[in-house]
Amino acid sequence: MSNFKKHPDGYKSYLGRDDKGLYSVRIKWAIYAANANGSVLYEIKDGVKKPLNVEQFKAKEPKIFASL
C-alpha cells in the first residue's frame, strides 16, 4: 500500500454553495464544485475552477462522482 496522509476532516466534507448554485465538496484532498443535478462539474485548485467533462469523469472516477 502507498503511504498517504489522510485528511483530518475525514473522507468527504460539504464546503458550501456559491451564488451561481454550485455546491463545493471536498473529497479526499481534491475540491469539486457541481450543480444539483451533476450536469456541470469543476475541479477547484488554488481558487481556480477547471471545467471537467462530466461523462469522462463518470467513466474515470465513478465512486467519486457517486459521492458528489
N, C-alpha and C. Protein backbone atom coordinates (compact mmCIF):
# COMPACT_ATOMS: atom_id res chain seq x y z
N MET A 1 0.83 -1.19 0.00
CA MET A 1 0.00 0.00 0.00
C MET A 1 0.87 1.24 0.00
N SER A 2 0.35 2.26 -0.59
CA SER A 2 1.10 3.51 -0.61
C SER A 2 0.86 4.28 0.68
N ASN A 3 1.84 5.04 1.06
CA ASN A 3 1.70 5.87 2.24
C ASN A 3 1.16 7.23 1.82
N PHE A 4 0.03 7.59 2.34
CA PHE A 4 -0.53 8.90 2.07
C PHE A 4 -1.17 9.42 3.34
N LYS A 5 -1.23 10.71 3.44
CA LYS A 5 -1.78 11.34 4.63
C LYS A 5 -3.29 11.51 4.48
N LYS A 6 -4.04 11.01 5.45
CA LYS A 6 -5.49 11.17 5.43
C LYS A 6 -5.84 12.60 5.80
N HIS A 7 -6.92 13.09 5.22
CA HIS A 7 -7.37 14.44 5.54
C HIS A 7 -7.92 14.45 6.96
N PRO A 8 -7.58 15.46 7.76
CA PRO A 8 -8.03 15.48 9.16
C PRO A 8 -9.55 15.59 9.32
N ASP A 9 -10.27 16.09 8.31
CA ASP A 9 -11.72 16.23 8.40
C ASP A 9 -12.46 15.00 7.90
N GLY A 10 -11.74 13.96 7.52
CA GLY A 10 -12.38 12.75 7.02
C GLY A 10 -12.38 12.68 5.50
N TYR A 11 -13.11 11.70 4.98
CA TYR A 11 -13.12 11.42 3.54
C TYR A 11 -13.80 12.52 2.74
N LYS A 12 -14.90 13.05 3.26
CA LYS A 12 -15.71 13.98 2.47
C LYS A 12 -16.28 15.07 3.37
N SER A 13 -16.32 16.30 2.86
CA SER A 13 -16.99 17.37 3.61
C SER A 13 -17.60 18.37 2.64
N TYR A 14 -18.77 18.87 3.02
CA TYR A 14 -19.51 19.87 2.25
C TYR A 14 -18.94 21.23 2.61
N LEU A 15 -18.56 22.02 1.61
CA LEU A 15 -17.93 23.31 1.86
C LEU A 15 -18.87 24.49 1.67
N GLY A 16 -19.97 24.31 0.96
CA GLY A 16 -20.92 25.41 0.80
C GLY A 16 -21.47 25.53 -0.61
N ARG A 17 -22.32 26.53 -0.79
CA ARG A 17 -22.95 26.80 -2.07
C ARG A 17 -22.66 28.24 -2.46
N ASP A 18 -22.26 28.45 -3.72
CA ASP A 18 -21.95 29.81 -4.15
C ASP A 18 -23.18 30.48 -4.78
N ASP A 19 -23.00 31.71 -5.23
CA ASP A 19 -24.12 32.48 -5.78
C ASP A 19 -24.61 31.97 -7.14
N LYS A 20 -23.84 31.11 -7.80
CA LYS A 20 -24.24 30.54 -9.08
C LYS A 20 -24.94 29.19 -8.92
N GLY A 21 -25.12 28.74 -7.69
CA GLY A 21 -25.80 27.48 -7.44
C GLY A 21 -24.90 26.26 -7.48
N LEU A 22 -23.59 26.47 -7.42
CA LEU A 22 -22.67 25.34 -7.42
C LEU A 22 -22.35 24.94 -5.98
N TYR A 23 -22.41 23.66 -5.73
CA TYR A 23 -22.10 23.12 -4.41
C TYR A 23 -20.64 22.67 -4.39
N SER A 24 -19.88 23.12 -3.41
CA SER A 24 -18.47 22.75 -3.29
C SER A 24 -18.34 21.63 -2.27
N VAL A 25 -17.62 20.58 -2.67
CA VAL A 25 -17.43 19.41 -1.83
C VAL A 25 -15.96 19.01 -1.89
N ARG A 26 -15.37 18.73 -0.72
CA ARG A 26 -14.01 18.20 -0.68
C ARG A 26 -14.12 16.69 -0.54
N ILE A 27 -13.51 15.98 -1.48
CA ILE A 27 -13.44 14.52 -1.42
C ILE A 27 -11.96 14.17 -1.44
N LYS A 28 -11.53 13.46 -0.40
CA LYS A 28 -10.11 13.21 -0.14
C LYS A 28 -9.42 14.57 -0.05
N TRP A 29 -8.45 14.84 -0.90
CA TRP A 29 -7.75 16.14 -0.85
C TRP A 29 -8.18 17.06 -1.98
N ALA A 30 -9.05 16.61 -2.87
CA ALA A 30 -9.50 17.42 -4.01
C ALA A 30 -10.81 18.13 -3.68
N ILE A 31 -11.00 19.29 -4.28
CA ILE A 31 -12.24 20.05 -4.10
C ILE A 31 -12.95 20.12 -5.45
N TYR A 32 -14.24 19.76 -5.44
CA TYR A 32 -15.06 19.77 -6.63
C TYR A 32 -16.24 20.69 -6.42
N ALA A 33 -16.73 21.28 -7.51
CA ALA A 33 -17.95 22.08 -7.48
C ALA A 33 -18.86 21.54 -8.57
N ALA A 34 -20.12 21.31 -8.20
CA ALA A 34 -21.09 20.77 -9.15
C ALA A 34 -22.45 21.39 -8.88
N ASN A 35 -23.28 21.41 -9.93
CA ASN A 35 -24.65 21.87 -9.70
C ASN A 35 -25.46 20.71 -9.12
N ALA A 36 -26.72 20.95 -8.81
CA ALA A 36 -27.54 19.98 -8.09
C ALA A 36 -27.76 18.68 -8.87
N ASN A 37 -27.85 18.74 -10.18
CA ASN A 37 -28.11 17.52 -10.94
C ASN A 37 -26.84 16.89 -11.54
N GLY A 38 -25.68 17.48 -11.32
CA GLY A 38 -24.42 16.89 -11.77
C GLY A 38 -24.10 17.10 -13.23
N SER A 39 -24.78 18.00 -13.91
CA SER A 39 -24.50 18.23 -15.33
C SER A 39 -23.34 19.19 -15.55
N VAL A 40 -22.94 19.92 -14.51
CA VAL A 40 -21.80 20.83 -14.57
C VAL A 40 -20.85 20.44 -13.45
N LEU A 41 -19.56 20.30 -13.79
CA LEU A 41 -18.59 19.84 -12.81
C LEU A 41 -17.28 20.60 -12.99
N TYR A 42 -16.72 21.06 -11.88
CA TYR A 42 -15.44 21.76 -11.87
C TYR A 42 -14.54 21.13 -10.81
N GLU A 43 -13.24 21.18 -11.07
CA GLU A 43 -12.25 20.86 -10.04
C GLU A 43 -11.64 22.20 -9.64
N ILE A 44 -11.53 22.43 -8.35
CA ILE A 44 -11.02 23.71 -7.86
C ILE A 44 -9.63 23.51 -7.28
N LYS A 45 -8.66 24.23 -7.84
CA LYS A 45 -7.29 24.22 -7.33
C LYS A 45 -6.84 25.66 -7.18
N ASP A 46 -6.39 26.02 -6.01
CA ASP A 46 -5.90 27.37 -5.72
C ASP A 46 -6.92 28.44 -6.08
N GLY A 47 -8.20 28.15 -5.89
CA GLY A 47 -9.25 29.11 -6.15
C GLY A 47 -9.65 29.24 -7.61
N VAL A 48 -9.06 28.43 -8.49
CA VAL A 48 -9.36 28.49 -9.92
C VAL A 48 -10.22 27.28 -10.29
N LYS A 49 -11.36 27.53 -10.94
CA LYS A 49 -12.26 26.45 -11.35
C LYS A 49 -11.84 25.93 -12.72
N LYS A 50 -11.55 24.64 -12.78
CA LYS A 50 -11.19 23.98 -14.03
C LYS A 50 -12.38 23.11 -14.45
N PRO A 51 -13.02 23.42 -15.59
CA PRO A 51 -14.18 22.62 -16.01
C PRO A 51 -13.75 21.19 -16.37
N LEU A 52 -14.58 20.24 -15.99
CA LEU A 52 -14.33 18.84 -16.29
C LEU A 52 -15.45 18.31 -17.18
N ASN A 53 -15.11 17.37 -18.05
CA ASN A 53 -16.10 16.69 -18.87
C ASN A 53 -16.81 15.68 -17.98
N VAL A 54 -18.10 15.84 -17.79
CA VAL A 54 -18.87 15.02 -16.85
C VAL A 54 -18.85 13.55 -17.25
N GLU A 55 -19.07 13.25 -18.53
CA GLU A 55 -19.12 11.85 -18.97
C GLU A 55 -17.77 11.16 -18.79
N GLN A 56 -16.68 11.85 -19.12
CA GLN A 56 -15.35 11.25 -18.92
C GLN A 56 -15.06 11.06 -17.44
N PHE A 57 -15.47 12.01 -16.62
CA PHE A 57 -15.25 11.91 -15.18
C PHE A 57 -16.04 10.75 -14.59
N LYS A 58 -17.28 10.56 -15.06
CA LYS A 58 -18.10 9.43 -14.59
C LYS A 58 -17.42 8.10 -14.91
N ALA A 59 -16.85 8.00 -16.10
CA ALA A 59 -16.19 6.76 -16.51
C ALA A 59 -14.88 6.54 -15.77
N LYS A 60 -14.14 7.61 -15.54
CA LYS A 60 -12.82 7.50 -14.92
C LYS A 60 -12.91 7.36 -13.40
N GLU A 61 -13.80 8.11 -12.77
CA GLU A 61 -13.92 8.16 -11.30
C GLU A 61 -15.37 7.93 -10.86
N PRO A 62 -15.93 6.75 -11.08
CA PRO A 62 -17.35 6.55 -10.76
C PRO A 62 -17.66 6.66 -9.26
N LYS A 63 -16.76 6.23 -8.40
CA LYS A 63 -17.02 6.31 -6.96
C LYS A 63 -17.02 7.76 -6.48
N ILE A 64 -16.12 8.56 -7.00
CA ILE A 64 -16.07 9.97 -6.61
C ILE A 64 -17.30 10.69 -7.14
N PHE A 65 -17.68 10.42 -8.40
CA PHE A 65 -18.87 11.08 -8.95
C PHE A 65 -20.12 10.69 -8.17
N ALA A 66 -20.21 9.44 -7.76
CA ALA A 66 -21.37 8.98 -6.99
C ALA A 66 -21.45 9.68 -5.64
N SER A 67 -20.31 10.01 -5.05
CA SER A 67 -20.34 10.66 -3.75
C SER A 67 -20.54 12.17 -3.85
N LEU A 68 -20.51 12.73 -5.06
CA LEU A 68 -20.84 14.15 -5.22
C LEU A 68 -22.33 14.30 -5.08
